[in-house]
């Protein structure tokens, strides 16, 4: 499979991974990312701060999206009371 190299030109927010360039396949799908060693060290530090009991959430994109959606709704005041006896 042949690949191409694409440089990331956009300004990246601090909470995102700073990618130097992406390696793509012939259809343009991102196959790998090239990052600086300093960025790798920063990511390792961030990952060490996540408790092992919560790491599953970051590996499950659907669950993470659901939690993020719920947090946004709660921040906007869109909450409902749950009666635990009805469960």
C-alpha atoms as a PDB file:
ATOM      1  CA  UNK A   1       0.000   0.000   0.000  1.00  0.00           C
ATOM      2  CA  UNK A   2       1.541   3.302  -0.993  1.00  0.00           C
ATOM      3  CA  UNK A   3       1.283   6.352   1.223  1.00  0.00           C
ATOM      4  CA  UNK A   4       1.633  10.100   0.952  1.00  0.00           C
ATOM      5  CA  UNK A   5       2.694  12.705   3.478  1.00  0.00           C
ATOM      6  CA  UNK A   6       0.446  15.658   4.269  1.00  0.00           C
ATOM      7  CA  UNK A   7       1.501  18.532   6.493  1.00  0.00           C
ATOM      8  CA  UNK A   8      -0.883  19.952   9.052  1.00  0.00           C
ATOM      9  CA  UNK A   9      -1.038  23.703   8.512  1.00  0.00           C
ATOM     10  CA  UNK A  10      -3.902  24.614  10.862  1.00  0.00           C
ATOM     11  CA  UNK A  11      -3.421  26.242  14.245  1.00  0.00           C
ATOM     12  CA  UNK A  12      -4.047  23.596  16.920  1.00  0.00           C
ATOM     13  CA  UNK A  13      -5.654  24.204  20.307  1.00  0.00           C
ATOM     14  CA  UNK A  14      -3.556  23.425  23.384  1.00  0.00           C
ATOM     15  CA  UNK A  15      -5.815  20.532  24.441  1.00  0.00           C
ATOM     16  CA  UNK A  16      -5.284  18.703  21.154  1.00  0.00           C
ATOM     17  CA  UNK A  17      -2.365  16.637  19.925  1.00  0.00           C
ATOM     18  CA  UNK A  18       0.101  18.719  17.945  1.00  0.00           C
ATOM     19  CA  UNK A  19       0.622  16.687  14.785  1.00  0.00           C
ATOM     20  CA  UNK A  20       3.546  17.621  12.586  1.00  0.00           C
ATOM     21  CA  UNK A  21       2.257  15.676   9.593  1.00  0.00           C
ATOM     22  CA  UNK A  22      -0.077  12.833   8.658  1.00  0.00           C
ATOM     23  CA  UNK A  23       0.844   9.842   6.540  1.00  0.00           C
ATOM     24  CA  UNK A  24      -2.088   8.867   4.333  1.00  0.00           C
ATOM     25  CA  UNK A  25      -2.917   6.027   1.988  1.00  0.00           C
ATOM     26  CA  UNK A  26      -3.688   6.543  -1.707  1.00  0.00           C
ATOM     27  CA  UNK A  27      -7.337   7.329  -0.865  1.00  0.00           C
ATOM     28  CA  UNK A  28      -6.379  10.060   1.596  1.00  0.00           C
ATOM     29  CA  UNK A  29      -7.201   8.097   4.769  1.00  0.00           C
ATOM     30  CA  UNK A  30      -4.942   8.992   7.688  1.00  0.00           C
ATOM     31  CA  UNK A  31      -2.761   5.988   8.509  1.00  0.00           C
ATOM     32  CA  UNK A  32      -0.256   7.512  10.949  1.00  0.00           C
ATOM     33  CA  UNK A  33       0.705  10.782  12.576  1.00  0.00           C
ATOM     34  CA  UNK A  34       4.170  12.204  13.110  1.00  0.00           C
ATOM     35  CA  UNK A  35       4.641  14.143  16.361  1.00  0.00           C
ATOM     36  CA  UNK A  36       7.658  15.708  18.065  1.00  0.00           C
ATOM     37  CA  UNK A  37       9.277  13.888  20.993  1.00  0.00           C
ATOM     38  CA  UNK A  38       8.265  16.765  23.312  1.00  0.00           C
ATOM     39  CA  UNK A  39       4.637  16.240  22.293  1.00  0.00           C
ATOM     40  CA  UNK A  40       4.965  12.509  23.005  1.00  0.00           C
ATOM     41  CA  UNK A  41       6.286  13.260  26.503  1.00  0.00           C
ATOM     42  CA  UNK A  42       3.377  15.668  27.087  1.00  0.00           C
ATOM     43  CA  UNK A  43       0.889  12.995  26.012  1.00  0.00           C
ATOM     44  CA  UNK A  44       2.494  10.389  28.258  1.00  0.00           C
ATOM     45  CA  UNK A  45       2.175  12.774  31.212  1.00  0.00           C
ATOM     46  CA  UNK A  46      -1.496  13.415  30.447  1.00  0.00           C
ATOM     47  CA  UNK A  47      -2.230   9.701  30.062  1.00  0.00           C
ATOM     48  CA  UNK A  48      -0.567   8.903  33.394  1.00  0.00           C
ATOM     49  CA  UNK A  49      -2.963  11.328  35.107  1.00  0.00           C
ATOM     50  CA  UNK A  50      -6.048   9.362  33.974  1.00  0.00           C
ATOM     51  CA  UNK A  51      -6.994   6.812  36.659  1.00  0.00           C
ATOM     52  CA  UNK A  52      -7.013   3.229  35.413  1.00  0.00           C
ATOM     53  CA  UNK A  53     -10.664   2.933  36.452  1.00  0.00           C
ATOM     54  CA  UNK A  54     -11.536   5.666  33.909  1.00  0.00           C
ATOM     55  CA  UNK A  55      -9.273   4.702  31.002  1.00  0.00           C
ATOM     56  CA  UNK A  56     -11.967   2.493  29.460  1.00  0.00           C
ATOM     57  CA  UNK A  57     -14.071   5.601  28.812  1.00  0.00           C
ATOM     58  CA  UNK A  58     -11.411   7.168  26.600  1.00  0.00           C
ATOM     59  CA  UNK A  59     -11.086   3.925  24.640  1.00  0.00           C
ATOM     60  CA  UNK A  60     -14.864   3.719  24.033  1.00  0.00           C
ATOM     61  CA  UNK A  61     -15.685   6.600  21.678  1.00  0.00           C
ATOM     62  CA  UNK A  62     -19.448   6.044  21.857  1.00  0.00           C
ATOM     63  CA  UNK A  63     -19.479   6.136  25.660  1.00  0.00           C
ATOM     64  CA  UNK A  64     -17.185   9.178  25.753  1.00  0.00           C
ATOM     65  CA  UNK A  65     -19.419  11.049  23.302  1.00  0.00           C
ATOM     66  CA  UNK A  66     -22.455  10.211  25.448  1.00  0.00           C
ATOM     67  CA  UNK A  67     -20.767  11.476  28.620  1.00  0.00           C
ATOM     68  CA  UNK A  68     -19.633  14.671  26.884  1.00  0.00           C
ATOM     69  CA  UNK A  69     -23.151  15.250  25.548  1.00  0.00           C
ATOM     70  CA  UNK A  70     -24.603  14.772  29.033  1.00  0.00           C
ATOM     71  CA  UNK A  71     -22.101  17.193  30.557  1.00  0.00           C
ATOM     72  CA  UNK A  72     -22.977  19.839  27.969  1.00  0.00           C
ATOM     73  CA  UNK A  73     -26.689  19.353  28.631  1.00  0.00           C
ATOM     74  CA  UNK A  74     -26.153  19.637  32.384  1.00  0.00           C
ATOM     75  CA  UNK A  75     -24.123  22.820  31.907  1.00  0.00           C
ATOM     76  CA  UNK A  76     -27.086  24.315  30.017  1.00  0.00           C
ATOM     77  CA  UNK A  77     -29.428  23.319  32.841  1.00  0.00           C
ATOM     78  CA  UNK A  78     -31.066  20.484  30.932  1.00  0.00           C
ATOM     79  CA  UNK A  79     -31.313  17.955  33.768  1.00  0.00           C
ATOM     80  CA  UNK A  80     -34.061  15.678  35.000  1.00  0.00           C
ATOM     81  CA  UNK A  81     -34.537  13.968  38.327  1.00  0.00           C
ATOM     82  CA  UNK A  82     -34.287  10.211  38.344  1.00  0.00           C
ATOM     83  CA  UNK A  83     -36.323   8.136  40.760  1.00  0.00           C
ATOM     84  CA  UNK A  84     -34.081   5.186  41.615  1.00  0.00           C
ATOM     85  CA  UNK A  85     -37.038   3.224  42.969  1.00  0.00           C
ATOM     86  CA  UNK A  86     -38.526   3.120  39.454  1.00  0.00           C
ATOM     87  CA  UNK A  87     -35.504   1.386  37.975  1.00  0.00           C
END
